Amino acid sequence: MISRRFCSVMRQQLQLFCERRQRGITLAEMLAVGHAEDMEQSLLENAQMLHAELPVRLSRRIVELQKMPYGLSELPPVKKVQKWYEKSFHDLISQRVPQNAEQELIFTHCLEKILRRHNSVVPTMSQGILMLKEEIGSDSVHQCPFLQDFLDRFFMSRIGVRMLLSQHVALHEPAPGFVGILGEAVCPGEEAKGAVLHASQICEAKYGVAPNVVVKGDVREKISYVPGHLHHMLHELLKNAMRAVVETHAPQLAPNASANFSPSFSFPDSDDLPEIELTVAAGESDFHIRISDQGGGIPRDQLSNIWNYMYTTAERPKEADMDMKGGIRNAPMAGFGYGLPLSKLYARYFGGDIDVVSMEGYGTHAYLYLSRLGNTKEPLPN
């Protein structure tokens, strides 16, 4: 229970690291670590960098978690996340700066423990925000700029910390075509097909049917990227498109719509629904992926809400789904409200972005931009 034992020396250390500057890393720099001729020395130098950098990033989030308004800091899920961060901060500053291969390996084992400890940070923070939403009301949560800004900073920092941890750990287990968790020749077209399959499975489990998806364009072009990040973003955008199509064109399948069934209702199959188009375009500086659906669109006065954490038009997920670990592999169809905001942060982490253009009464175009230059530094939150 680190929180109860946080002595004055530890608090001083926390403040000391919080005042230090963060160092942004580029994708090209991450690749360079794995391409070094002397891999042992490269890993040692990277471990030394992480030993200095990670406590700085964690300390800033701990201080914020301790000072959140509306009583959010006292909610059990948020306190749980705070304790995880405090324990990880304590573990890192308790480690010696690695000076040789043996010490680097000990430090890497510490990083592995931190990775496992932080697996459930996103759904646990979500639980805290949902509790706050129930206490003070949905409108208050959605209209609170501090909360939106805090969650952007918190989750962007988490993406960066997890990237650095995962990358260093994975460098110890080389895989063909990869430098750590970075794929050197990732094919967005192939990743899109995998995301379509995954989203379709979840859609079919929810509704009994999923719209067909046509993947076209520059489907064989490749890029250096993190396949897990790309899958996460594509999966989220496809889930939203599929849900919109099904609930617009087969409204009887929408949640709580069983009363609308009539004797003449015929259960639809995929060919009865408008297909979704996923188009890949390989530009010189960016990869562009467009997902177009005919799911009825979003009213213009509600379009900005899709980037707000905890905003959702879906039913709240079951409590069991709130305990999912590590990301979206076991995620429900919808209901958390942080899928799109998180996906936008994943895109921005390596210099990309996500935009959504909607035609109410018809459908939506979602645009995912991936920077292929690799020279953009991490967008580190203050």
Protein backbone atom coordinates (compact mmCIF):
# COMPACT_ATOMS: atom_id res chain seq x y z
CA MET A 1 0.00 0.00 0.00
CA ILE A 2 2.40 2.66 -1.25
CA SER A 3 -0.12 5.50 -0.80
CA ARG A 4 -0.18 5.03 2.99
CA ARG A 5 3.59 4.76 3.22
CA PHE A 6 4.40 7.69 1.00
CA CYS A 7 6.87 9.32 3.34
CA SER A 8 8.13 12.88 3.07
CA VAL A 9 11.23 11.70 1.16
CA MET A 10 9.03 10.05 -1.46
CA ARG A 11 6.87 13.15 -1.78
CA GLN A 12 10.00 15.21 -2.29
CA GLN A 13 11.14 12.80 -4.99
CA LEU A 14 7.74 13.06 -6.63
CA GLN A 15 7.94 16.84 -6.71
CA LEU A 16 11.54 16.75 -7.91
CA PHE A 17 10.74 14.55 -10.91
CA CYS A 18 7.53 16.45 -11.64
CA GLU A 19 9.57 19.62 -12.18
CA ARG A 20 11.92 18.01 -14.71
CA ARG A 21 11.35 18.35 -18.44
CA GLN A 22 10.02 15.43 -20.45
CA ARG A 23 11.82 14.26 -23.56
CA GLY A 24 9.77 13.44 -26.64
CA ILE A 25 10.88 10.45 -28.72
CA THR A 26 10.30 10.00 -32.45
CA LEU A 27 9.37 6.78 -34.25
CA ALA A 28 12.66 7.04 -36.15
CA GLU A 29 14.60 7.14 -32.87
CA MET A 30 12.75 4.06 -31.61
CA LEU A 31 13.64 2.19 -34.80
CA ALA A 32 17.28 3.29 -34.52
CA VAL A 33 17.63 1.58 -31.12
CA GLY A 34 16.78 -1.77 -32.70
CA HIS A 35 19.00 -1.22 -35.74
CA ALA A 36 22.21 -0.57 -33.79
CA GLU A 37 25.21 -2.77 -34.59
CA ASP A 38 26.02 -3.19 -30.89
CA MET A 39 22.61 -4.26 -29.60
CA GLU A 40 23.80 -4.82 -26.04
CA GLN A 41 25.10 -1.26 -25.79
CA SER A 42 22.00 0.13 -27.52
CA LEU A 43 19.69 -1.61 -25.03
CA LEU A 44 21.80 -0.34 -22.13
CA GLU A 45 21.64 3.26 -23.35
CA ASN A 46 17.89 2.97 -23.96
CA ALA A 47 17.39 1.57 -20.45
CA GLN A 48 19.35 4.49 -19.01
CA MET A 49 17.13 6.91 -20.91
CA LEU A 50 14.00 5.17 -19.62
CA HIS A 51 15.33 5.17 -16.07
CA ALA A 52 15.52 8.96 -16.27
CA GLU A 53 12.39 9.59 -18.37
CA LEU A 54 9.67 7.31 -17.02
CA PRO A 55 9.61 8.67 -13.42
CA VAL A 56 9.16 12.18 -14.85
CA ARG A 57 6.11 11.14 -16.85
CA LEU A 58 4.55 9.10 -14.03
CA SER A 59 5.12 11.82 -11.44
CA ARG A 60 3.08 14.35 -13.43
CA ARG A 61 0.11 12.03 -13.68
CA ILE A 62 0.30 11.14 -9.96
CA VAL A 63 0.18 14.81 -8.97
CA GLU A 64 -2.84 15.36 -11.20
CA LEU A 65 -4.60 12.27 -9.88
CA GLN A 66 -4.16 13.59 -6.34
CA LYS A 67 -5.74 16.98 -7.09
CA MET A 68 -8.77 16.27 -9.27
CA PRO A 69 -11.98 18.25 -8.58
CA TYR A 70 -15.54 17.05 -7.87
CA GLY A 71 -14.20 14.44 -5.44
CA LEU A 72 -12.92 12.36 -8.37
CA SER A 73 -9.60 11.69 -6.60
CA GLU A 74 -11.48 9.96 -3.77
CA LEU A 75 -13.48 7.56 -5.94
CA PRO A 76 -12.27 3.95 -5.46
CA PRO A 77 -11.39 3.24 -9.13
CA VAL A 78 -9.35 6.46 -9.39
CA LYS A 79 -7.58 5.74 -6.11
CA LYS A 80 -6.74 2.28 -7.44
CA VAL A 81 -5.14 3.80 -10.56
CA GLN A 82 -3.26 6.31 -8.40
CA LYS A 83 -1.82 3.48 -6.28
CA TRP A 84 -0.67 1.65 -9.41
CA TYR A 85 1.12 4.76 -10.60
CA GLU A 86 2.68 5.41 -7.19
CA LYS A 87 3.91 1.81 -6.96
CA SER A 88 5.42 2.01 -10.44
CA PHE A 89 7.08 5.35 -9.66
CA HIS A 90 8.50 3.84 -6.46
CA ASP A 91 9.77 0.77 -8.34
CA LEU A 92 11.53 2.88 -10.96
CA ILE A 93 13.34 5.27 -8.63
CA SER A 94 14.34 2.32 -6.43
CA GLN A 95 16.22 0.80 -9.37
CA ARG A 96 19.86 1.60 -9.98
CA VAL A 97 20.80 3.26 -13.24
CA PRO A 98 21.81 0.23 -15.36
CA GLN A 99 25.56 0.11 -16.00
CA ASN A 100 25.95 -3.28 -17.64
CA ALA A 101 23.97 -5.98 -19.44
CA GLU A 102 23.03 -7.81 -16.24
CA GLN A 103 21.64 -4.66 -14.62
CA GLU A 104 19.82 -3.77 -17.84
CA LEU A 105 18.07 -7.14 -17.75
CA ILE A 106 17.02 -6.60 -14.11
CA PHE A 107 15.65 -3.19 -15.09
CA THR A 108 13.77 -4.75 -18.02
CA HIS A 109 12.07 -7.21 -15.64
CA CYS A 110 10.93 -4.19 -13.62
CA LEU A 111 9.43 -2.68 -16.78
CA GLU A 112 7.57 -5.93 -17.49
CA LYS A 113 5.97 -5.81 -14.04
CA ILE A 114 4.87 -2.21 -14.60
CA LEU A 115 3.32 -3.16 -17.95
CA ARG A 116 1.26 -5.91 -16.33
CA ARG A 117 0.27 -3.68 -13.42
CA HIS A 118 -1.09 -1.00 -15.76
CA ASN A 119 -3.06 -3.36 -18.04
CA SER A 120 -6.46 -2.27 -16.68
CA VAL A 121 -5.85 1.46 -16.33
CA VAL A 122 -8.26 2.50 -19.10
CA PRO A 123 -11.35 0.53 -18.01
CA THR A 124 -10.63 1.33 -14.34
CA MET A 125 -10.48 5.07 -15.02
CA SER A 126 -13.65 4.64 -17.05
CA GLN A 127 -15.35 3.15 -14.00
CA GLY A 128 -14.37 6.22 -12.02
CA ILE A 129 -15.75 8.62 -14.59
CA LEU A 130 -18.99 6.62 -14.84
CA MET A 131 -19.35 6.82 -11.05
CA LEU A 132 -18.83 10.59 -11.23
CA LYS A 133 -21.36 10.78 -14.06
CA GLU A 134 -23.95 9.07 -11.86
CA GLU A 135 -23.20 11.37 -8.92
CA ILE A 136 -23.19 14.79 -10.60
CA GLY A 137 -25.11 14.07 -13.82
CA SER A 138 -24.18 13.46 -17.43
CA ASP A 139 -24.47 17.10 -18.50
CA SER A 140 -22.03 18.25 -15.83
CA VAL A 141 -19.46 15.67 -16.90
CA HIS A 142 -19.81 16.42 -20.62
CA GLN A 143 -19.58 20.18 -20.10
CA CYS A 144 -16.54 20.10 -17.82
CA PRO A 145 -13.52 21.29 -19.87
CA PHE A 146 -11.12 20.42 -17.07
CA LEU A 147 -12.17 16.78 -17.11
CA GLN A 148 -11.87 16.51 -20.89
CA ASP A 149 -8.42 18.14 -20.85
CA PHE A 150 -7.26 15.99 -17.94
CA LEU A 151 -8.32 12.75 -19.63
CA ASP A 152 -6.62 13.81 -22.87
CA ARG A 153 -3.38 14.43 -20.95
CA PHE A 154 -3.71 11.30 -18.85
CA PHE A 155 -4.44 8.91 -21.71
CA MET A 156 -1.88 10.48 -24.09
CA SER A 157 0.73 10.08 -21.37
CA ARG A 158 -0.36 6.48 -20.85
CA ILE A 159 0.00 5.73 -24.57
CA GLY A 160 3.52 7.16 -24.51
CA VAL A 161 4.60 5.37 -21.33
CA ARG A 162 3.17 2.07 -22.52
CA MET A 163 4.84 2.50 -25.90
CA LEU A 164 8.26 3.04 -24.32
CA LEU A 165 7.81 0.14 -21.90
CA SER A 166 6.52 -2.29 -24.53
CA GLN A 167 9.15 -1.28 -27.07
CA HIS A 168 12.09 -1.87 -24.73
CA VAL A 169 10.74 -5.18 -23.44
CA ALA A 170 10.00 -6.44 -26.96
CA LEU A 171 13.53 -5.57 -28.16
CA HIS A 172 14.70 -8.51 -26.04
CA GLU A 173 12.60 -10.89 -28.15
CA PRO A 174 13.36 -10.03 -31.81
CA ALA A 175 10.74 -11.02 -34.38
CA PRO A 176 11.06 -10.98 -38.18
CA GLY A 177 9.85 -7.69 -39.66
CA PHE A 178 9.67 -5.98 -36.27
CA VAL A 179 11.84 -3.67 -34.21
CA GLY A 180 10.34 -4.15 -30.77
CA ILE A 181 6.60 -3.73 -31.29
CA LEU A 182 7.15 -1.51 -34.34
CA GLY A 183 6.42 -3.21 -37.64
CA GLU A 184 8.83 -2.04 -40.33
CA ALA A 185 6.52 -2.99 -43.22
CA VAL A 186 2.98 -2.87 -41.86
CA CYS A 187 0.32 -3.13 -44.57
CA PRO A 188 -2.72 -0.99 -43.60
CA GLY A 189 -4.80 -2.88 -46.15
CA GLU A 190 -4.10 -6.20 -44.45
CA GLU A 191 -4.55 -4.70 -40.99
CA ALA A 192 -7.90 -3.34 -42.18
CA LYS A 193 -9.04 -6.83 -43.17
CA GLY A 194 -8.14 -8.12 -39.71
CA ALA A 195 -9.99 -5.25 -38.05
CA VAL A 196 -13.04 -5.91 -40.27
CA LEU A 197 -13.10 -9.55 -39.17
CA HIS A 198 -12.77 -8.63 -35.50
CA ALA A 199 -15.43 -5.89 -35.63
CA SER A 200 -17.77 -8.15 -37.61
CA GLN A 201 -17.52 -10.87 -34.98
CA ILE A 202 -18.46 -8.42 -32.22
CA CYS A 203 -21.27 -6.91 -34.33
CA GLU A 204 -22.70 -10.35 -35.09
CA ALA A 205 -22.52 -11.32 -31.43
CA LYS A 206 -24.48 -8.17 -30.56
CA TYR A 207 -27.04 -8.00 -33.38
CA GLY A 208 -26.90 -11.37 -35.14
CA VAL A 209 -25.72 -9.70 -38.36
CA ALA A 210 -22.94 -7.41 -39.60
CA PRO A 211 -22.74 -5.30 -42.76
CA ASN A 212 -20.28 -6.27 -45.48
CA VAL A 213 -17.12 -4.16 -45.74
CA VAL A 214 -15.31 -3.54 -49.02
CA VAL A 215 -11.58 -2.76 -48.64
CA LYS A 216 -10.11 -1.02 -51.68
CA GLY A 217 -7.43 1.42 -52.84
CA ASP A 218 -3.70 1.12 -52.15
CA VAL A 219 -4.18 -2.04 -50.14
CA ARG A 220 -0.65 -3.38 -50.71
CA GLU A 221 1.29 -0.27 -49.68
CA LYS A 222 3.30 -0.49 -46.46
CA ILE A 223 4.36 1.76 -43.59
CA SER A 224 6.44 1.61 -40.41
CA TYR A 225 3.90 1.57 -37.60
CA VAL A 226 2.64 -0.25 -34.51
CA PRO A 227 0.13 -2.86 -35.74
CA GLY A 228 -1.66 -2.88 -32.38
CA HIS A 229 -2.29 0.87 -32.54
CA LEU A 230 -3.55 0.64 -36.11
CA HIS A 231 -5.84 -2.27 -35.29
CA HIS A 232 -7.25 -0.38 -32.31
CA MET A 233 -8.15 2.67 -34.40
CA LEU A 234 -9.58 0.77 -37.36
CA HIS A 235 -11.53 -1.56 -35.09
CA GLU A 236 -13.13 1.35 -33.23
CA LEU A 237 -14.09 3.22 -36.40
CA LEU A 238 -15.50 0.06 -37.98
CA LYS A 239 -17.51 -0.84 -34.87
CA ASN A 240 -19.12 2.59 -34.93
CA ALA A 241 -19.91 2.34 -38.64
CA MET A 242 -21.38 -1.17 -38.29
CA ARG A 243 -23.52 -0.23 -35.33
CA ALA A 244 -24.88 2.81 -37.17
CA VAL A 245 -25.73 0.78 -40.28
CA VAL A 246 -27.45 -2.02 -38.38
CA GLU A 247 -29.50 0.23 -36.08
CA THR A 248 -30.50 2.51 -38.98
CA HIS A 249 -31.51 -0.17 -41.48
CA ALA A 250 -32.68 -2.86 -39.03
CA PRO A 251 -33.98 -0.77 -36.11
CA GLN A 252 -35.74 -3.80 -34.62
CA LEU A 253 -32.28 -5.10 -33.70
CA ALA A 254 -31.34 -2.02 -31.67
CA PRO A 255 -31.12 -2.49 -27.88
CA ASN A 256 -34.49 -2.34 -26.08
CA ALA A 257 -36.31 -2.54 -29.44
CA SER A 258 -37.86 -5.99 -28.98
CA ALA A 259 -41.29 -4.39 -28.62
CA ASN A 260 -41.01 -3.21 -32.24
CA PHE A 261 -40.91 -6.72 -33.72
CA SER A 262 -43.90 -7.52 -35.91
CA PRO A 263 -45.12 -10.83 -37.34
CA SER A 264 -43.86 -9.73 -40.76
CA PHE A 265 -40.34 -8.96 -39.51
CA SER A 266 -37.68 -10.83 -41.47
CA PHE A 267 -34.28 -11.13 -39.83
CA PRO A 268 -31.79 -9.41 -42.18
CA ASP A 269 -28.56 -10.88 -43.48
CA SER A 270 -25.44 -8.96 -44.50
CA ASP A 271 -26.60 -8.48 -48.09
CA ASP A 272 -29.73 -6.67 -46.86
CA LEU A 273 -27.61 -3.91 -45.32
CA PRO A 274 -25.70 -1.15 -47.17
CA GLU A 275 -22.06 -2.10 -47.39
CA ILE A 276 -19.32 -0.08 -45.71
CA GLU A 277 -16.41 1.14 -47.85
CA LEU A 278 -12.87 1.28 -46.48
CA THR A 279 -10.50 3.09 -48.83
CA VAL A 280 -6.71 3.21 -48.41
CA ALA A 281 -4.72 5.98 -50.12
CA ALA A 282 -0.92 6.13 -49.85
CA GLY A 283 0.33 9.71 -50.05
CA GLU A 284 3.96 10.79 -49.90
CA SER A 285 3.80 12.08 -46.33
CA ASP A 286 0.62 10.46 -44.99
CA PHE A 287 -1.42 7.32 -45.31
CA HIS A 288 -5.14 8.10 -45.58
CA ILE A 289 -7.85 5.62 -44.65
CA ARG A 290 -11.50 6.54 -45.17
CA ILE A 291 -14.38 4.53 -43.73
CA SER A 292 -17.71 5.44 -45.31
CA ASP A 293 -21.06 4.17 -44.08
CA GLN A 294 -24.75 4.76 -44.77
CA GLY A 295 -25.70 4.65 -41.12
CA GLY A 296 -27.90 7.73 -40.95
CA GLY A 297 -25.20 10.23 -39.96
CA ILE A 298 -24.81 12.41 -36.89
CA PRO A 299 -26.71 15.69 -36.28
CA ARG A 300 -24.36 18.64 -36.79
CA ASP A 301 -25.03 20.03 -33.31
CA GLN A 302 -23.97 16.70 -31.78
CA LEU A 303 -20.89 16.01 -33.90
CA SER A 304 -18.41 17.59 -31.47
CA ASN A 305 -19.73 15.36 -28.68
CA ILE A 306 -18.18 12.25 -30.21
CA TRP A 307 -14.75 13.38 -28.93
CA ASN A 308 -16.00 13.74 -25.35
CA TYR A 309 -15.08 10.99 -22.91
CA MET A 310 -18.07 9.14 -21.53
CA TYR A 311 -20.38 10.48 -24.25
CA THR A 312 -22.22 7.56 -25.80
CA THR A 313 -25.62 6.86 -27.27
CA ALA A 314 -25.25 3.14 -26.56
CA GLU A 315 -26.40 1.27 -23.49
CA ARG A 316 -23.89 1.04 -20.65
CA PRO A 317 -21.72 -2.12 -20.91
CA LYS A 318 -22.15 -4.90 -18.40
CA GLU A 319 -20.00 -4.82 -15.28
CA ALA A 320 -18.06 -7.86 -16.50
CA ASP A 321 -16.95 -5.94 -19.58
CA MET A 322 -15.54 -3.19 -17.38
CA ASP A 323 -12.82 -5.56 -16.19
CA MET A 324 -11.32 -6.24 -19.61
CA LYS A 325 -7.53 -6.10 -19.62
CA GLY A 326 -5.05 -4.62 -22.05
CA GLY A 327 -7.25 -2.80 -24.54
CA ILE A 328 -10.00 -3.66 -26.99
CA ARG A 329 -9.60 -7.36 -27.72
CA ASN A 330 -12.57 -8.22 -25.50
CA ALA A 331 -14.38 -4.89 -25.75
CA PRO A 332 -18.16 -4.72 -26.10
CA MET A 333 -19.77 -3.27 -29.23
CA ALA A 334 -20.21 0.16 -27.63
CA GLY A 335 -21.07 1.88 -24.38
CA PHE A 336 -17.83 3.03 -22.74
CA GLY A 337 -17.74 6.37 -24.55
CA TYR A 338 -13.94 6.63 -24.77
CA GLY A 339 -13.36 4.63 -27.96
CA LEU A 340 -13.19 7.54 -30.41
CA PRO A 341 -11.34 9.98 -28.12
CA LEU A 342 -8.71 7.32 -27.38
CA SER A 343 -8.38 6.41 -31.05
CA LYS A 344 -7.75 10.07 -31.89
CA LEU A 345 -4.95 10.14 -29.31
CA TYR A 346 -3.41 6.98 -30.77
CA ALA A 347 -3.42 8.62 -34.20
CA ARG A 348 -1.89 11.85 -32.89
CA TYR A 349 0.83 10.02 -30.96
CA PHE A 350 2.81 9.42 -34.17
CA GLY A 351 1.76 12.63 -35.94
CA GLY A 352 -1.55 11.51 -37.45
CA ASP A 353 -5.17 12.35 -36.69
CA ILE A 354 -8.80 11.31 -37.08
CA ASP A 355 -11.55 13.50 -38.59
CA VAL A 356 -15.23 12.73 -38.95
CA VAL A 357 -17.55 14.28 -41.55
CA SER A 358 -21.22 13.42 -41.33
CA MET A 359 -24.34 13.90 -43.45
CA GLU A 360 -27.37 13.65 -41.20
CA GLY A 361 -29.97 11.43 -42.81
CA TYR A 362 -27.41 9.56 -44.90
CA GLY A 363 -24.13 8.51 -43.33
CA THR A 364 -20.64 9.30 -42.08
CA HIS A 365 -17.10 9.48 -43.45
CA ALA A 366 -14.33 8.84 -40.92
CA TYR A 367 -10.80 9.77 -42.02
CA LEU A 368 -7.73 8.25 -40.38
CA TYR A 369 -4.39 9.90 -41.18
CA LEU A 370 -1.11 8.08 -40.49
CA SER A 371 2.18 9.96 -40.79
CA ARG A 372 4.71 7.89 -42.71
CA LEU A 373 7.73 10.16 -42.12
CA GLY A 374 8.52 9.03 -38.55
CA ASN A 375 10.10 12.34 -37.52
CA THR A 376 7.28 13.66 -35.33
CA LYS A 377 8.08 13.75 -31.62
CA GLU A 378 5.62 12.37 -29.12
CA PRO A 379 2.99 15.03 -28.21
CA LEU A 380 3.83 15.01 -24.51
CA PRO A 381 1.19 16.49 -22.17
CA ASN A 382 2.28 18.92 -19.47
